[in-house]
C-alpha atoms as a PDB file:
ATOM      1  CA  MET A   1       0.000   0.000   0.000  1.00  0.00           C
ATOM      2  CA  PRO A   2       1.508   3.379  -0.979  1.00  0.00           C
ATOM      3  CA  ARG A   3       2.309   5.786   1.842  1.00  0.00           C
ATOM      4  CA  SER A   4       2.185   9.557   1.988  1.00  0.00           C
ATOM      5  CA  ILE A   5       3.229  12.065   4.601  1.00  0.00           C
ATOM      6  CA  THR A   6       1.664  15.285   5.813  1.00  0.00           C
ATOM      7  CA  LEU A   7       3.676  17.761   7.811  1.00  0.00           C
ATOM      8  CA  HIS A   8       0.928  20.014   9.223  1.00  0.00           C
ATOM      9  CA  PRO A   9      -2.668  19.371  10.315  1.00  0.00           C
ATOM     10  CA  SER A  10      -4.017  22.069   7.955  1.00  0.00           C
ATOM     11  CA  ASP A  11      -2.367  20.596   4.822  1.00  0.00           C
ATOM     12  CA  ASN A  12      -4.732  19.710   1.976  1.00  0.00           C
ATOM     13  CA  VAL A  13      -2.046  17.795   0.048  1.00  0.00           C
ATOM     14  CA  ALA A  14       0.303  15.005   1.122  1.00  0.00           C
ATOM     15  CA  THR A  15       3.630  13.979  -0.383  1.00  0.00           C
ATOM     16  CA  LEU A  16       3.878  10.397  -1.594  1.00  0.00           C
ATOM     17  CA  ILE A  17       6.792   8.434  -0.175  1.00  0.00           C
ATOM     18  CA  ASP A  18       5.879   5.507  -2.442  1.00  0.00           C
ATOM     19  CA  PRO A  19       4.527   5.737  -5.995  1.00  0.00           C
ATOM     20  CA  ALA A  20       0.759   5.169  -6.262  1.00  0.00           C
ATOM     21  CA  ARG A  21      -1.191   3.577  -9.085  1.00  0.00           C
ATOM     22  CA  GLU A  22      -4.686   4.636 -10.059  1.00  0.00           C
ATOM     23  CA  GLY A  23      -7.200   2.991  -7.720  1.00  0.00           C
ATOM     24  CA  GLU A  24      -4.686   2.150  -4.990  1.00  0.00           C
ATOM     25  CA  THR A  25      -5.426   3.177  -1.427  1.00  0.00           C
ATOM     26  CA  CYS A  26      -2.709   5.413   0.022  1.00  0.00           C
ATOM     27  CA  THR A  27      -2.049   5.530   3.749  1.00  0.00           C
ATOM     28  CA  LEU A  28      -1.739   9.037   5.200  1.00  0.00           C
ATOM     29  CA  GLN A  29       0.964   9.362   7.853  1.00  0.00           C
ATOM     30  CA  GLY A  30       2.343  12.252   9.862  1.00  0.00           C
ATOM     31  CA  GLU A  31       0.128  15.093  11.075  1.00  0.00           C
ATOM     32  CA  VAL A  32      -2.927  13.708   9.242  1.00  0.00           C
ATOM     33  CA  SER A  33      -3.856  10.041   9.303  1.00  0.00           C
ATOM     34  CA  GLY A  34      -6.277   8.009   7.273  1.00  0.00           C
ATOM     35  CA  GLN A  35      -6.470   6.805   3.700  1.00  0.00           C
ATOM     36  CA  VAL A  36      -7.132   8.231   0.251  1.00  0.00           C
ATOM     37  CA  VAL A  37      -7.662   6.448  -3.073  1.00  0.00           C
ATOM     38  CA  ALA A  38      -5.446   7.688  -5.928  1.00  0.00           C
ATOM     39  CA  ARG A  39      -7.516   8.899  -8.901  1.00  0.00           C
ATOM     40  CA  GLN A  40      -4.557   8.418 -11.266  1.00  0.00           C
ATOM     41  CA  ASP A  41      -0.945   7.274 -11.118  1.00  0.00           C
ATOM     42  CA  VAL A  42       1.111   9.595  -8.900  1.00  0.00           C
ATOM     43  CA  ALA A  43       4.908   9.409  -8.801  1.00  0.00           C
ATOM     44  CA  PHE A  44       7.080   9.158  -5.687  1.00  0.00           C
ATOM     45  CA  GLY A  45       7.658  12.616  -4.208  1.00  0.00           C
ATOM     46  CA  HIS A  46       4.601  14.156  -5.870  1.00  0.00           C
ATOM     47  CA  LYS A  47       1.554  15.481  -4.046  1.00  0.00           C
ATOM     48  CA  ILE A  48      -1.876  13.901  -3.697  1.00  0.00           C
ATOM     49  CA  CYS A  49      -4.952  15.877  -2.662  1.00  0.00           C
ATOM     50  CA  ILE A  50      -6.201  14.791   0.775  1.00  0.00           C
ATOM     51  CA  SER A  51      -9.218  17.113   0.948  1.00  0.00           C
ATOM     52  CA  PRO A  52     -11.088  18.723  -1.953  1.00  0.00           C
ATOM     53  CA  ILE A  53      -9.599  22.045  -3.074  1.00  0.00           C
ATOM     54  CA  PRO A  54     -11.993  24.424  -4.873  1.00  0.00           C
ATOM     55  CA  LEU A  55     -10.974  26.529  -7.864  1.00  0.00           C
ATOM     56  CA  GLY A  56      -8.918  29.503  -6.644  1.00  0.00           C
ATOM     57  CA  ALA A  57      -8.351  28.081  -3.155  1.00  0.00           C
ATOM     58  CA  ASN A  58      -4.938  27.847  -1.532  1.00  0.00           C
ATOM     59  CA  VAL A  59      -2.914  24.641  -1.764  1.00  0.00           C
ATOM     60  CA  LEU A  60      -1.378  23.993   1.661  1.00  0.00           C
ATOM     61  CA  LYS A  61       1.768  22.008   2.437  1.00  0.00           C
ATOM     62  CA  TYR A  62       3.867  22.395   5.620  1.00  0.00           C
ATOM     63  CA  GLY A  63       0.954  24.540   6.858  1.00  0.00           C
ATOM     64  CA  GLN A  64       2.017  27.111   4.252  1.00  0.00           C
ATOM     65  CA  VAL A  65       0.429  28.300   1.025  1.00  0.00           C
ATOM     66  CA  ILE A  66       2.430  26.757  -1.820  1.00  0.00           C
ATOM     67  CA  GLY A  67       0.043  27.713  -4.601  1.00  0.00           C
ATOM     68  CA  ARG A  68      -3.484  28.379  -5.782  1.00  0.00           C
ATOM     69  CA  ALA A  69      -5.790  25.912  -7.546  1.00  0.00           C
ATOM     70  CA  THR A  70      -6.321  26.756 -11.220  1.00  0.00           C
ATOM     71  CA  ARG A  71      -9.269  24.338 -11.203  1.00  0.00           C
ATOM     72  CA  ALA A  72     -11.031  22.271  -8.574  1.00  0.00           C
ATOM     73  CA  ILE A  73      -8.801  19.454  -7.314  1.00  0.00           C
ATOM     74  CA  ALA A  74     -10.646  16.341  -6.169  1.00  0.00           C
ATOM     75  CA  LEU A  75      -9.807  14.110  -3.231  1.00  0.00           C
ATOM     76  CA  GLY A  76      -7.151  11.613  -4.345  1.00  0.00           C
ATOM     77  CA  GLU A  77      -6.131  13.618  -7.410  1.00  0.00           C
ATOM     78  CA  HIS A  78      -2.517  14.320  -8.338  1.00  0.00           C
ATOM     79  CA  ALA A  79      -1.785  17.928  -7.277  1.00  0.00           C
ATOM     80  CA  HIS A  80       0.838  19.421  -9.578  1.00  0.00           C
ATOM     81  CA  VAL A  81       1.481  22.132 -12.182  1.00  0.00           C
ATOM     82  CA  HIS A  82      -1.485  20.994 -14.291  1.00  0.00           C
ATOM     83  CA  ASN A  83      -4.004  22.057 -11.625  1.00  0.00           C
ATOM     84  CA  PHE A  84      -2.345  24.698  -9.449  1.00  0.00           C
ATOM     85  CA  ASP A  85       0.022  27.638  -9.847  1.00  0.00           C
ATOM     86  CA  SER A  86       2.990  27.578  -7.520  1.00  0.00           C
ATOM     87  CA  ALA A  87       3.532  30.483  -5.152  1.00  0.00           C
ATOM     88  CA  ARG A  88       6.968  29.302  -4.014  1.00  0.00           C
ATOM     89  CA  ALA A  89      10.245  30.655  -5.390  1.00  0.00           C
ATOM     90  CA  ARG A  90       8.368  32.981  -7.725  1.00  0.00           C
ATOM     91  CA  GLY A  91      10.344  36.208  -7.871  1.00  0.00           C
ATOM     92  CA  ASP A  92       7.869  37.526 -10.428  1.00  0.00           C
ATOM     93  CA  LEU A  93       5.094  37.626  -7.812  1.00  0.00           C
ATOM     94  CA  GLU A  94       6.979  40.061  -5.594  1.00  0.00           C
ATOM     95  CA  GLU A  95       7.885  42.110  -8.657  1.00  0.00           C
ATOM     96  CA  ARG A  96       4.260  42.321  -9.771  1.00  0.00           C
ATOM     97  CA  GLN A  97       3.136  43.360  -6.296  1.00  0.00           C
ATOM     98  CA  GLU A  98       5.743  46.126  -6.211  1.00  0.00           C
ATOM     99  CA  LEU A  99       4.532  47.477  -9.561  1.00  0.00           C
ATOM    100  CA  GLN A 100       0.912  47.793  -8.485  1.00  0.00           C
ATOM    101  CA  PRO A 101      -0.139  51.297  -7.344  1.00  0.00           C
END
């Protein structure tokens, strides 16, 4: 059974520490426990959604905002660049904020 880890109780994504195949049940370990069924194959080290994330909502990992959903992300779905914009290590975000009046 694939395993994933969460690092903060408010996280809505978990990082897989084993690869998961579509339909497999993943065990949640760390600050959130339980299980989630993978909706598609998810590679080792990638994120899986552990609670539904609506369009435009924050994606939380480490208890921190790491991005914003560009579409609704369902429970068990692979959370990655295809469904959220990263907010980490984005120098352009600070630059844009500075340019706004």
